[in-house]
mmCIF file of all heavy atoms, coordinates in Angstrom:
data_MODEL
# 
_entry.id   MODEL 
# 
loop_
_atom_site.group_PDB 
_atom_site.id 
_atom_site.type_symbol 
_atom_site.label_atom_id 
_atom_site.label_alt_id 
_atom_site.label_comp_id 
_atom_site.label_asym_id 
_atom_site.label_entity_id 
_atom_site.label_seq_id 
_atom_site.pdbx_PDB_ins_code 
_atom_site.Cartn_x 
_atom_site.Cartn_y 
_atom_site.Cartn_z 
_atom_site.occupancy 
_atom_site.B_iso_or_equiv 
_atom_site.pdbx_formal_charge 
_atom_site.auth_seq_id 
_atom_site.auth_comp_id 
_atom_site.auth_asym_id 
_atom_site.auth_atom_id 
_atom_site.pdbx_PDB_model_num 
ATOM 1   N N   . PHE A 1 1  ? 82.119 73.110 96.706 1.00 0.00 ? 1  PHE A N   1 
ATOM 2   C CA  . PHE A 1 1  ? 83.203 72.228 96.127 1.00 0.00 ? 1  PHE A CA  1 
ATOM 3   C C   . PHE A 1 1  ? 82.672 71.535 94.861 1.00 0.00 ? 1  PHE A C   1 
ATOM 4   O O   . PHE A 1 1  ? 83.351 71.460 93.862 1.00 0.00 ? 1  PHE A O   1 
ATOM 5   C CB  . PHE A 1 1  ? 83.623 71.192 97.164 1.00 0.00 ? 1  PHE A CB  1 
ATOM 6   C CG  . PHE A 1 1  ? 84.448 70.108 96.551 1.00 0.00 ? 1  PHE A CG  1 
ATOM 7   C CD1 . PHE A 1 1  ? 85.815 70.341 96.328 1.00 0.00 ? 1  PHE A CD1 1 
ATOM 8   C CD2 . PHE A 1 1  ? 83.930 68.849 96.263 1.00 0.00 ? 1  PHE A CD2 1 
ATOM 9   C CE1 . PHE A 1 1  ? 86.616 69.319 95.792 1.00 0.00 ? 1  PHE A CE1 1 
ATOM 10  C CE2 . PHE A 1 1  ? 84.770 67.868 95.717 1.00 0.00 ? 1  PHE A CE2 1 
ATOM 11  C CZ  . PHE A 1 1  ? 86.020 68.095 95.420 1.00 0.00 ? 1  PHE A CZ  1 
ATOM 12  N N   . LEU A 1 2  ? 81.429 71.023 94.906 1.00 0.00 ? 2  LEU A N   1 
ATOM 13  C CA  . LEU A 1 2  ? 80.965 70.415 93.726 1.00 0.00 ? 2  LEU A CA  1 
ATOM 14  C C   . LEU A 1 2  ? 80.834 71.324 92.526 1.00 0.00 ? 2  LEU A C   1 
ATOM 15  O O   . LEU A 1 2  ? 81.106 70.937 91.350 1.00 0.00 ? 2  LEU A O   1 
ATOM 16  C CB  . LEU A 1 2  ? 79.533 69.846 94.006 1.00 0.00 ? 2  LEU A CB  1 
ATOM 17  C CG  . LEU A 1 2  ? 79.494 68.625 95.036 1.00 0.00 ? 2  LEU A CG  1 
ATOM 18  C CD1 . LEU A 1 2  ? 77.961 68.240 95.278 1.00 0.00 ? 2  LEU A CD1 1 
ATOM 19  C CD2 . LEU A 1 2  ? 80.292 67.453 94.535 1.00 0.00 ? 2  LEU A CD2 1 
ATOM 20  N N   . LEU A 1 3  ? 80.391 72.584 92.729 1.00 0.00 ? 3  LEU A N   1 
ATOM 21  C CA  . LEU A 1 3  ? 80.224 73.518 91.707 1.00 0.00 ? 3  LEU A CA  1 
ATOM 22  C C   . LEU A 1 3  ? 81.621 73.937 91.104 1.00 0.00 ? 3  LEU A C   1 
ATOM 23  O O   . LEU A 1 3  ? 81.770 74.148 89.868 1.00 0.00 ? 3  LEU A O   1 
ATOM 24  C CB  . LEU A 1 3  ? 79.656 74.779 92.207 1.00 0.00 ? 3  LEU A CB  1 
ATOM 25  C CG  . LEU A 1 3  ? 78.075 74.672 92.540 1.00 0.00 ? 3  LEU A CG  1 
ATOM 26  C CD1 . LEU A 1 3  ? 77.530 76.085 93.005 1.00 0.00 ? 3  LEU A CD1 1 
ATOM 27  C CD2 . LEU A 1 3  ? 77.293 74.206 91.409 1.00 0.00 ? 3  LEU A CD2 1 
ATOM 28  N N   . LEU A 1 4  ? 82.655 74.006 91.938 1.00 0.00 ? 4  LEU A N   1 
ATOM 29  C CA  . LEU A 1 4  ? 84.019 74.384 91.501 1.00 0.00 ? 4  LEU A CA  1 
ATOM 30  C C   . LEU A 1 4  ? 84.694 73.180 90.860 1.00 0.00 ? 4  LEU A C   1 
ATOM 31  O O   . LEU A 1 4  ? 85.529 73.351 89.879 1.00 0.00 ? 4  LEU A O   1 
ATOM 32  C CB  . LEU A 1 4  ? 84.817 74.924 92.607 1.00 0.00 ? 4  LEU A CB  1 
ATOM 33  C CG  . LEU A 1 4  ? 84.303 76.247 93.202 1.00 0.00 ? 4  LEU A CG  1 
ATOM 34  C CD1 . LEU A 1 4  ? 85.137 76.638 94.417 1.00 0.00 ? 4  LEU A CD1 1 
ATOM 35  C CD2 . LEU A 1 4  ? 84.362 77.399 92.172 1.00 0.00 ? 4  LEU A CD2 1 
ATOM 36  N N   . TRP A 1 5  ? 84.499 71.918 91.315 1.00 0.00 ? 5  TRP A N   1 
ATOM 37  C CA  . TRP A 1 5  ? 85.189 70.781 90.863 1.00 0.00 ? 5  TRP A CA  1 
ATOM 38  C C   . TRP A 1 5  ? 84.726 70.341 89.532 1.00 0.00 ? 5  TRP A C   1 
ATOM 39  O O   . TRP A 1 5  ? 85.471 69.911 88.685 1.00 0.00 ? 5  TRP A O   1 
ATOM 40  C CB  . TRP A 1 5  ? 85.008 69.636 91.889 1.00 0.00 ? 5  TRP A CB  1 
ATOM 41  C CG  . TRP A 1 5  ? 85.701 68.395 91.388 1.00 0.00 ? 5  TRP A CG  1 
ATOM 42  C CD1 . TRP A 1 5  ? 84.992 67.149 91.362 1.00 0.00 ? 5  TRP A CD1 1 
ATOM 43  C CD2 . TRP A 1 5  ? 87.011 68.096 91.000 1.00 0.00 ? 5  TRP A CD2 1 
ATOM 44  N NE1 . TRP A 1 5  ? 85.886 66.202 90.887 1.00 0.00 ? 5  TRP A NE1 1 
ATOM 45  C CE2 . TRP A 1 5  ? 87.130 66.705 90.718 1.00 0.00 ? 5  TRP A CE2 1 
ATOM 46  C CE3 . TRP A 1 5  ? 88.090 68.910 90.846 1.00 0.00 ? 5  TRP A CE3 1 
ATOM 47  C CZ2 . TRP A 1 5  ? 88.241 66.118 90.266 1.00 0.00 ? 5  TRP A CZ2 1 
ATOM 48  C CZ3 . TRP A 1 5  ? 89.302 68.347 90.431 1.00 0.00 ? 5  TRP A CZ3 1 
ATOM 49  C CH2 . TRP A 1 5  ? 89.351 66.931 90.189 1.00 0.00 ? 5  TRP A CH2 1 
ATOM 50  N N   . ALA A 1 6  ? 83.443 70.551 89.208 1.00 0.00 ? 6  ALA A N   1 
ATOM 51  C CA  . ALA A 1 6  ? 82.841 70.128 87.955 1.00 0.00 ? 6  ALA A CA  1 
ATOM 52  C C   . ALA A 1 6  ? 83.551 70.623 86.700 1.00 0.00 ? 6  ALA A C   1 
ATOM 53  O O   . ALA A 1 6  ? 84.013 69.861 85.883 1.00 0.00 ? 6  ALA A O   1 
ATOM 54  C CB  . ALA A 1 6  ? 81.360 70.369 87.902 1.00 0.00 ? 6  ALA A CB  1 
ATOM 55  N N   . PRO A 1 7  ? 83.824 71.993 86.566 1.00 0.00 ? 7  PRO A N   1 
ATOM 56  C CA  . PRO A 1 7  ? 84.448 72.500 85.369 1.00 0.00 ? 7  PRO A CA  1 
ATOM 57  C C   . PRO A 1 7  ? 85.887 72.124 85.271 1.00 0.00 ? 7  PRO A C   1 
ATOM 58  O O   . PRO A 1 7  ? 86.424 71.788 84.206 1.00 0.00 ? 7  PRO A O   1 
ATOM 59  C CB  . PRO A 1 7  ? 84.258 74.021 85.424 1.00 0.00 ? 7  PRO A CB  1 
ATOM 60  C CG  . PRO A 1 7  ? 84.001 74.301 86.881 1.00 0.00 ? 7  PRO A CG  1 
ATOM 61  C CD  . PRO A 1 7  ? 83.291 73.089 87.358 1.00 0.00 ? 7  PRO A CD  1 
ATOM 62  N N   . VAL A 1 8  ? 86.543 72.008 86.458 1.00 0.00 ? 8  VAL A N   1 
ATOM 63  C CA  . VAL A 1 8  ? 87.994 71.599 86.515 1.00 0.00 ? 8  VAL A CA  1 
ATOM 64  C C   . VAL A 1 8  ? 88.050 70.158 86.108 1.00 0.00 ? 8  VAL A C   1 
ATOM 65  O O   . VAL A 1 8  ? 88.959 69.732 85.305 1.00 0.00 ? 8  VAL A O   1 
ATOM 66  C CB  . VAL A 1 8  ? 88.558 71.763 87.919 1.00 0.00 ? 8  VAL A CB  1 
ATOM 67  C CG1 . VAL A 1 8  ? 89.960 71.210 88.045 1.00 0.00 ? 8  VAL A CG1 1 
ATOM 68  C CG2 . VAL A 1 8  ? 88.580 73.279 88.304 1.00 0.00 ? 8  VAL A CG2 1 
ATOM 69  N N   . TYR A 1 9  ? 87.177 69.280 86.590 1.00 0.00 ? 9  TYR A N   1 
ATOM 70  C CA  . TYR A 1 9  ? 87.167 67.894 86.228 1.00 0.00 ? 9  TYR A CA  1 
ATOM 71  C C   . TYR A 1 9  ? 87.022 67.707 84.735 1.00 0.00 ? 9  TYR A C   1 
ATOM 72  O O   . TYR A 1 9  ? 87.776 66.927 84.097 1.00 0.00 ? 9  TYR A O   1 
ATOM 73  C CB  . TYR A 1 9  ? 86.017 67.247 87.032 1.00 0.00 ? 9  TYR A CB  1 
ATOM 74  C CG  . TYR A 1 9  ? 85.836 65.761 86.692 1.00 0.00 ? 9  TYR A CG  1 
ATOM 75  C CD1 . TYR A 1 9  ? 86.294 64.756 87.544 1.00 0.00 ? 9  TYR A CD1 1 
ATOM 76  C CD2 . TYR A 1 9  ? 85.100 65.368 85.520 1.00 0.00 ? 9  TYR A CD2 1 
ATOM 77  C CE1 . TYR A 1 9  ? 86.200 63.466 87.209 1.00 0.00 ? 9  TYR A CE1 1 
ATOM 78  C CE2 . TYR A 1 9  ? 84.964 64.019 85.234 1.00 0.00 ? 9  TYR A CE2 1 
ATOM 79  C CZ  . TYR A 1 9  ? 85.460 63.046 86.085 1.00 0.00 ? 9  TYR A CZ  1 
ATOM 80  O OH  . TYR A 1 9  ? 85.291 61.759 85.787 1.00 0.00 ? 9  TYR A OH  1 
ATOM 81  N N   . LEU A 1 10 ? 86.011 68.328 84.169 1.00 0.00 ? 10 LEU A N   1 
ATOM 82  C CA  . LEU A 1 10 ? 85.760 68.151 82.744 1.00 0.00 ? 10 LEU A CA  1 
ATOM 83  C C   . LEU A 1 10 ? 86.888 68.599 81.849 1.00 0.00 ? 10 LEU A C   1 
ATOM 84  O O   . LEU A 1 10 ? 87.227 68.070 80.923 1.00 0.00 ? 10 LEU A O   1 
ATOM 85  C CB  . LEU A 1 10 ? 84.449 68.899 82.320 1.00 0.00 ? 10 LEU A CB  1 
ATOM 86  C CG  . LEU A 1 10 ? 83.198 68.357 83.004 1.00 0.00 ? 10 LEU A CG  1 
ATOM 87  C CD1 . LEU A 1 10 ? 81.997 69.228 82.733 1.00 0.00 ? 10 LEU A CD1 1 
ATOM 88  C CD2 . LEU A 1 10 ? 82.912 66.885 82.552 1.00 0.00 ? 10 LEU A CD2 1 
ATOM 89  N N   . LEU A 1 11 ? 87.539 69.721 82.304 1.00 0.00 ? 11 LEU A N   1 
ATOM 90  C CA  . LEU A 1 11 ? 88.698 70.202 81.541 1.00 0.00 ? 11 LEU A CA  1 
ATOM 91  C C   . LEU A 1 11 ? 89.847 69.237 81.577 1.00 0.00 ? 11 LEU A C   1 
ATOM 92  O O   . LEU A 1 11 ? 90.401 68.909 80.507 1.00 0.00 ? 11 LEU A O   1 
ATOM 93  C CB  . LEU A 1 11 ? 89.251 71.540 82.219 1.00 0.00 ? 11 LEU A CB  1 
ATOM 94  C CG  . LEU A 1 11 ? 90.586 72.094 81.658 1.00 0.00 ? 11 LEU A CG  1 
ATOM 95  C CD1 . LEU A 1 11 ? 90.476 72.361 80.227 1.00 0.00 ? 11 LEU A CD1 1 
ATOM 96  C CD2 . LEU A 1 11 ? 90.962 73.308 82.462 1.00 0.00 ? 11 LEU A CD2 1 
ATOM 97  N N   . ARG A 1 12 ? 90.058 68.632 82.738 1.00 0.00 ? 12 ARG A N   1 
ATOM 98  C CA  . ARG A 1 12 ? 91.166 67.647 82.877 1.00 0.00 ? 12 ARG A CA  1 
ATOM 99  C C   . ARG A 1 12 ? 90.813 66.359 82.127 1.00 0.00 ? 12 ARG A C   1 
ATOM 100 O O   . ARG A 1 12 ? 91.678 65.683 81.503 1.00 0.00 ? 12 ARG A O   1 
ATOM 101 C CB  . ARG A 1 12 ? 91.412 67.350 84.337 1.00 0.00 ? 12 ARG A CB  1 
ATOM 102 C CG  . ARG A 1 12 ? 92.042 68.566 85.091 1.00 0.00 ? 12 ARG A CG  1 
ATOM 103 C CD  . ARG A 1 12 ? 92.280 68.217 86.578 1.00 0.00 ? 12 ARG A CD  1 
ATOM 104 N NE  . ARG A 1 12 ? 93.128 67.121 86.794 1.00 0.00 ? 12 ARG A NE  1 
ATOM 105 C CZ  . ARG A 1 12 ? 93.376 66.585 87.954 1.00 0.00 ? 12 ARG A CZ  1 
ATOM 106 N NH1 . ARG A 1 12 ? 92.836 67.006 89.022 1.00 0.00 ? 12 ARG A NH1 1 
ATOM 107 N NH2 . ARG A 1 12 ? 94.306 65.576 88.025 1.00 0.00 ? 12 ARG A NH2 1 
ATOM 108 N N   . ALA A 1 13 ? 89.505 65.971 82.108 1.00 0.00 ? 13 ALA A N   1 
ATOM 109 C CA  . ALA A 1 13 ? 89.088 64.816 81.401 1.00 0.00 ? 13 ALA A CA  1 
ATOM 110 C C   . ALA A 1 13 ? 89.209 64.960 79.931 1.00 0.00 ? 13 ALA A C   1 
ATOM 111 O O   . ALA A 1 13 ? 89.799 64.073 79.288 1.00 0.00 ? 13 ALA A O   1 
ATOM 112 C CB  . ALA A 1 13 ? 87.596 64.526 81.764 1.00 0.00 ? 13 ALA A CB  1 
ATOM 113 N N   . VAL A 1 14 ? 88.840 66.028 79.372 1.00 0.00 ? 14 VAL A N   1 
ATOM 114 C CA  . VAL A 1 14 ? 89.010 66.363 77.975 1.00 0.00 ? 14 VAL A CA  1 
ATOM 115 C C   . VAL A 1 14 ? 90.484 66.334 77.564 1.00 0.00 ? 14 VAL A C   1 
ATOM 116 O O   . VAL A 1 14 ? 90.870 65.711 76.543 1.00 0.00 ? 14 VAL A O   1 
ATOM 117 C CB  . VAL A 1 14 ? 88.335 67.673 77.560 1.00 0.00 ? 14 VAL A CB  1 
ATOM 118 C CG1 . VAL A 1 14 ? 88.798 68.122 76.155 1.00 0.00 ? 14 VAL A CG1 1 
ATOM 119 C CG2 . VAL A 1 14 ? 86.918 67.678 77.615 1.00 0.00 ? 14 VAL A CG2 1 
ATOM 120 N N   . ARG A 1 15 ? 91.319 66.944 78.396 1.00 0.00 ? 15 ARG A N   1 
ATOM 121 C CA  . ARG A 1 15 ? 92.786 67.083 78.103 1.00 0.00 ? 15 ARG A CA  1 
ATOM 122 C C   . ARG A 1 15 ? 93.361 65.622 78.087 1.00 0.00 ? 15 ARG A C   1 
ATOM 123 O O   . ARG A 1 15 ? 94.223 65.278 77.218 1.00 0.00 ? 15 ARG A O   1 
ATOM 124 C CB  . ARG A 1 15 ? 93.480 67.989 79.108 1.00 0.00 ? 15 ARG A CB  1 
ATOM 125 C CG  . ARG A 1 15 ? 94.948 68.094 78.850 1.00 0.00 ? 15 ARG A CG  1 
ATOM 126 C CD  . ARG A 1 15 ? 95.549 69.128 79.762 1.00 0.00 ? 15 ARG A CD  1 
ATOM 127 N NE  . ARG A 1 15 ? 96.945 69.398 79.459 1.00 0.00 ? 15 ARG A NE  1 
ATOM 128 C CZ  . ARG A 1 15 ? 98.030 68.715 79.928 1.00 0.00 ? 15 ARG A CZ  1 
ATOM 129 N NH1 . ARG A 1 15 ? 97.794 67.841 80.875 1.00 0.00 ? 15 ARG A NH1 1 
ATOM 130 N NH2 . ARG A 1 15 ? 99.193 69.052 79.582 1.00 0.00 ? 15 ARG A NH2 1 
ATOM 131 N N   . ARG A 1 16 ? 92.991 64.808 79.077 1.00 0.00 ? 16 ARG A N   1 
ATOM 132 C CA  . ARG A 1 16 ? 93.605 63.454 79.090 1.00 0.00 ? 16 ARG A CA  1 
ATOM 133 C C   . ARG A 1 16 ? 93.120 62.610 78.000 1.00 0.00 ? 16 ARG A C   1 
ATOM 134 O O   . ARG A 1 16 ? 93.970 61.884 77.306 1.00 0.00 ? 16 ARG A O   1 
ATOM 135 C CB  . ARG A 1 16 ? 93.287 62.810 80.480 1.00 0.00 ? 16 ARG A CB  1 
ATOM 136 C CG  . ARG A 1 16 ? 93.808 61.408 80.590 1.00 0.00 ? 16 ARG A CG  1 
ATOM 137 C CD  . ARG A 1 16 ? 93.705 60.905 82.008 1.00 0.00 ? 16 ARG A CD  1 
ATOM 138 N NE  . ARG A 1 16 ? 94.431 59.587 82.118 1.00 0.00 ? 16 ARG A NE  1 
ATOM 139 C CZ  . ARG A 1 16 ? 94.661 58.990 83.233 1.00 0.00 ? 16 ARG A CZ  1 
ATOM 140 N NH1 . ARG A 1 16 ? 94.285 59.543 84.381 1.00 0.00 ? 16 ARG A NH1 1 
ATOM 141 N NH2 . ARG A 1 16 ? 95.310 57.843 83.255 1.00 0.00 ? 16 ARG A NH2 1 
ATOM 142 N N   . VAL A 1 17 ? 91.838 62.489 77.720 1.00 0.00 ? 17 VAL A N   1 
ATOM 143 C CA  . VAL A 1 17 ? 91.292 61.604 76.821 1.00 0.00 ? 17 VAL A CA  1 
ATOM 144 C C   . VAL A 1 17 ? 91.731 61.969 75.391 1.00 0.00 ? 17 VAL A C   1 
ATOM 145 O O   . VAL A 1 17 ? 92.019 61.123 74.485 1.00 0.00 ? 17 VAL A O   1 
ATOM 146 C CB  . VAL A 1 17 ? 89.777 61.417 76.889 1.00 0.00 ? 17 VAL A CB  1 
ATOM 147 C CG1 . VAL A 1 17 ? 89.222 60.585 75.791 1.00 0.00 ? 17 VAL A CG1 1 
ATOM 148 C CG2 . VAL A 1 17 ? 89.409 60.845 78.301 1.00 0.00 ? 17 VAL A CG2 1 
ATOM 149 N N   . TYR A 1 18 ? 91.583 63.300 75.066 1.00 0.00 ? 18 TYR A N   1 
ATOM 150 C CA  . TYR A 1 18 ? 91.894 63.747 73.694 1.00 0.00 ? 18 TYR A CA  1 
ATOM 151 C C   . TYR A 1 18 ? 93.384 64.212 73.497 1.00 0.00 ? 18 TYR A C   1 
ATOM 152 O O   . TYR A 1 18 ? 93.676 64.684 72.431 1.00 0.00 ? 18 TYR A O   1 
ATOM 153 C CB  . TYR A 1 18 ? 90.914 64.833 73.311 1.00 0.00 ? 18 TYR A CB  1 
ATOM 154 C CG  . TYR A 1 18 ? 89.486 64.264 73.107 1.00 0.00 ? 18 TYR A CG  1 
ATOM 155 C CD1 . TYR A 1 18 ? 88.622 64.195 74.197 1.00 0.00 ? 18 TYR A CD1 1 
ATOM 156 C CD2 . TYR A 1 18 ? 89.077 63.731 71.907 1.00 0.00 ? 18 TYR A CD2 1 
ATOM 157 C CE1 . TYR A 1 18 ? 87.314 63.742 74.014 1.00 0.00 ? 18 TYR A CE1 1 
ATOM 158 C CE2 . TYR A 1 18 ? 87.841 63.193 71.756 1.00 0.00 ? 18 TYR A CE2 1 
ATOM 159 C CZ  . TYR A 1 18 ? 86.980 63.181 72.737 1.00 0.00 ? 18 TYR A CZ  1 
ATOM 160 O OH  . TYR A 1 18 ? 85.702 62.692 72.591 1.00 0.00 ? 18 TYR A OH  1 
ATOM 161 N N   . GLN A 1 19 ? 94.114 64.036 74.599 1.00 0.00 ? 19 GLN A N   1 
ATOM 162 C CA  . GLN A 1 19 ? 95.554 64.404 74.511 1.00 0.00 ? 19 GLN A CA  1 
ATOM 163 C C   . GLN A 1 19 ? 95.843 65.804 73.901 1.00 0.00 ? 19 GLN A C   1 
ATOM 164 O O   . GLN A 1 19 ? 96.476 65.949 72.861 1.00 0.00 ? 19 GLN A O   1 
ATOM 165 C CB  . GLN A 1 19 ? 96.304 63.368 73.756 1.00 0.00 ? 19 GLN A CB  1 
ATOM 166 C CG  . GLN A 1 19 ? 96.227 61.979 74.401 1.00 0.00 ? 19 GLN A CG  1 
ATOM 167 C CD  . GLN A 1 19 ? 96.988 60.881 73.630 1.00 0.00 ? 19 GLN A CD  1 
ATOM 168 O OE1 . GLN A 1 19 ? 97.902 61.160 72.868 1.00 0.00 ? 19 GLN A OE1 1 
ATOM 169 N NE2 . GLN A 1 19 ? 96.537 59.642 73.807 1.00 0.00 ? 19 GLN A NE2 1 
ATOM 170 N N   . LEU A 1 20 ? 95.288 66.865 74.565 1.00 0.00 ? 20 LEU A N   1 
ATOM 171 C CA  . LEU A 1 20 ? 95.335 68.185 74.112 1.00 0.00 ? 20 LEU A CA  1 
ATOM 172 C C   . LEU A 1 20 ? 96.200 69.023 75.095 1.00 0.00 ? 20 LEU A C   1 
ATOM 173 O O   . LEU A 1 20 ? 96.369 68.724 76.237 1.00 0.00 ? 20 LEU A O   1 
ATOM 174 C CB  . LEU A 1 20 ? 93.902 68.847 74.005 1.00 0.00 ? 20 LEU A CB  1 
ATOM 175 C CG  . LEU A 1 20 ? 92.927 68.146 73.063 1.00 0.00 ? 20 LEU A CG  1 
ATOM 176 C CD1 . LEU A 1 20 ? 91.621 68.747 73.341 1.00 0.00 ? 20 LEU A CD1 1 
ATOM 177 C CD2 . LEU A 1 20 ? 93.389 68.393 71.557 1.00 0.00 ? 20 LEU A CD2 1 
ATOM 178 N N   . SER A 1 21 ? 96.727 70.174 74.561 1.00 0.00 ? 21 SER A N   1 
ATOM 179 C CA  . SER A 1 21 ? 97.418 71.104 75.406 1.00 0.00 ? 21 SER A CA  1 
ATOM 180 C C   . SER A 1 21 ? 96.308 71.741 76.303 1.00 0.00 ? 21 SER A C   1 
ATOM 181 O O   . SER A 1 21 ? 95.144 71.730 75.903 1.00 0.00 ? 21 SER A O   1 
ATOM 182 C CB  . SER A 1 21 ? 98.134 72.110 74.585 1.00 0.00 ? 21 SER A CB  1 
ATOM 183 O OG  . SER A 1 21 ? 97.224 72.827 73.792 1.00 0.00 ? 21 SER A OG  1 
ATOM 184 N N   . TRP A 1 22 ? 96.701 72.501 77.329 1.00 0.00 ? 22 TRP A N   1 
ATOM 185 C CA  . TRP A 1 22 ? 95.721 73.142 78.140 1.00 0.00 ? 22 TRP A CA  1 
ATOM 186 C C   . TRP A 1 22 ? 94.898 74.185 77.425 1.00 0.00 ? 22 TRP A C   1 
ATOM 187 O O   . TRP A 1 22 ? 93.625 74.123 77.584 1.00 0.00 ? 22 TRP A O   1 
ATOM 188 C CB  . TRP A 1 22 ? 96.438 73.795 79.395 1.00 0.00 ? 22 TRP A CB  1 
ATOM 189 C CG  . TRP A 1 22 ? 96.906 72.863 80.432 1.00 0.00 ? 22 TRP A CG  1 
ATOM 190 C CD1 . TRP A 1 22 ? 98.200 72.473 80.732 1.00 0.00 ? 22 TRP A CD1 1 
ATOM 191 C CD2 . TRP A 1 22 ? 96.054 72.156 81.345 1.00 0.00 ? 22 TRP A CD2 1 
ATOM 192 N NE1 . TRP A 1 22 ? 98.237 71.575 81.779 1.00 0.00 ? 22 TRP A NE1 1 
ATOM 193 C CE2 . TRP A 1 22 ? 96.954 71.370 82.140 1.00 0.00 ? 22 TRP A CE2 1 
ATOM 194 C CE3 . TRP A 1 22 ? 94.672 72.014 81.462 1.00 0.00 ? 22 TRP A CE3 1 
ATOM 195 C CZ2 . TRP A 1 22 ? 96.405 70.459 83.123 1.00 0.00 ? 22 TRP A CZ2 1 
ATOM 196 C CZ3 . TRP A 1 22 ? 94.154 71.155 82.471 1.00 0.00 ? 22 TRP A CZ3 1 
ATOM 197 C CH2 . TRP A 1 22 ? 95.078 70.431 83.295 1.00 0.00 ? 22 TRP A CH2 1 
ATOM 198 N N   . PRO A 1 23 ? 95.476 75.036 76.626 1.00 0.00 ? 23 PRO A N   1 
ATOM 199 C CA  . PRO A 1 23 ? 94.599 75.964 75.859 1.00 0.00 ? 23 PRO A CA  1 
ATOM 200 C C   . PRO A 1 23 ? 93.617 75.343 74.949 1.00 0.00 ? 23 PRO A C   1 
ATOM 201 O O   . PRO A 1 23 ? 92.403 75.687 74.892 1.00 0.00 ? 23 PRO A O   1 
ATOM 202 C CB  . PRO A 1 23 ? 95.618 76.816 75.049 1.00 0.00 ? 23 PRO A CB  1 
ATOM 203 C CG  . PRO A 1 23 ? 96.946 76.762 75.861 1.00 0.00 ? 23 PRO A CG  1 
ATOM 204 C CD  . PRO A 1 23 ? 96.928 75.310 76.336 1.00 0.00 ? 23 PRO A CD  1 
ATOM 205 N N   . TRP A 1 24 ? 94.018 74.288 74.181 1.00 0.00 ? 24 TRP A N   1 
ATOM 206 C CA  . TRP A 1 24 ? 93.104 73.606 73.301 1.00 0.00 ? 24 TRP A CA  1 
ATOM 207 C C   . TRP A 1 24 ? 92.101 72.843 74.156 1.00 0.00 ? 24 TRP A C   1 
ATOM 208 O O   . TRP A 1 24 ? 90.863 72.729 73.732 1.00 0.00 ? 24 TRP A O   1 
ATOM 209 C CB  . TRP A 1 24 ? 93.833 72.588 72.425 1.00 0.00 ? 24 TRP A CB  1 
ATOM 210 C CG  . TRP A 1 24 ? 94.395 73.345 71.215 1.00 0.00 ? 24 TRP A CG  1 
ATOM 211 C CD1 . TRP A 1 24 ? 95.768 73.611 70.961 1.00 0.00 ? 24 TRP A CD1 1 
ATOM 212 C CD2 . TRP A 1 24 ? 93.735 74.001 70.089 1.00 0.00 ? 24 TRP A CD2 1 
ATOM 213 N NE1 . TRP A 1 24 ? 95.967 74.333 69.827 1.00 0.00 ? 24 TRP A NE1 1 
ATOM 214 C CE2 . TRP A 1 24 ? 94.716 74.564 69.275 1.00 0.00 ? 24 TRP A CE2 1 
ATOM 215 C CE3 . TRP A 1 24 ? 92.416 74.119 69.803 1.00 0.00 ? 24 TRP A CE3 1 
ATOM 216 C CZ2 . TRP A 1 24 ? 94.381 75.277 68.099 1.00 0.00 ? 24 TRP A CZ2 1 
ATOM 217 C CZ3 . TRP A 1 24 ? 92.054 74.805 68.655 1.00 0.00 ? 24 TRP A CZ3 1 
ATOM 218 C CH2 . TRP A 1 24 ? 93.027 75.394 67.824 1.00 0.00 ? 24 TRP A CH2 1 
# 
């Protein structure tokens, strides 16, 4: 779970903080 959650977490964090679309 930790291995799988880490990349998903970072993707969602970048999207939220920098207000980007999913592809960007």
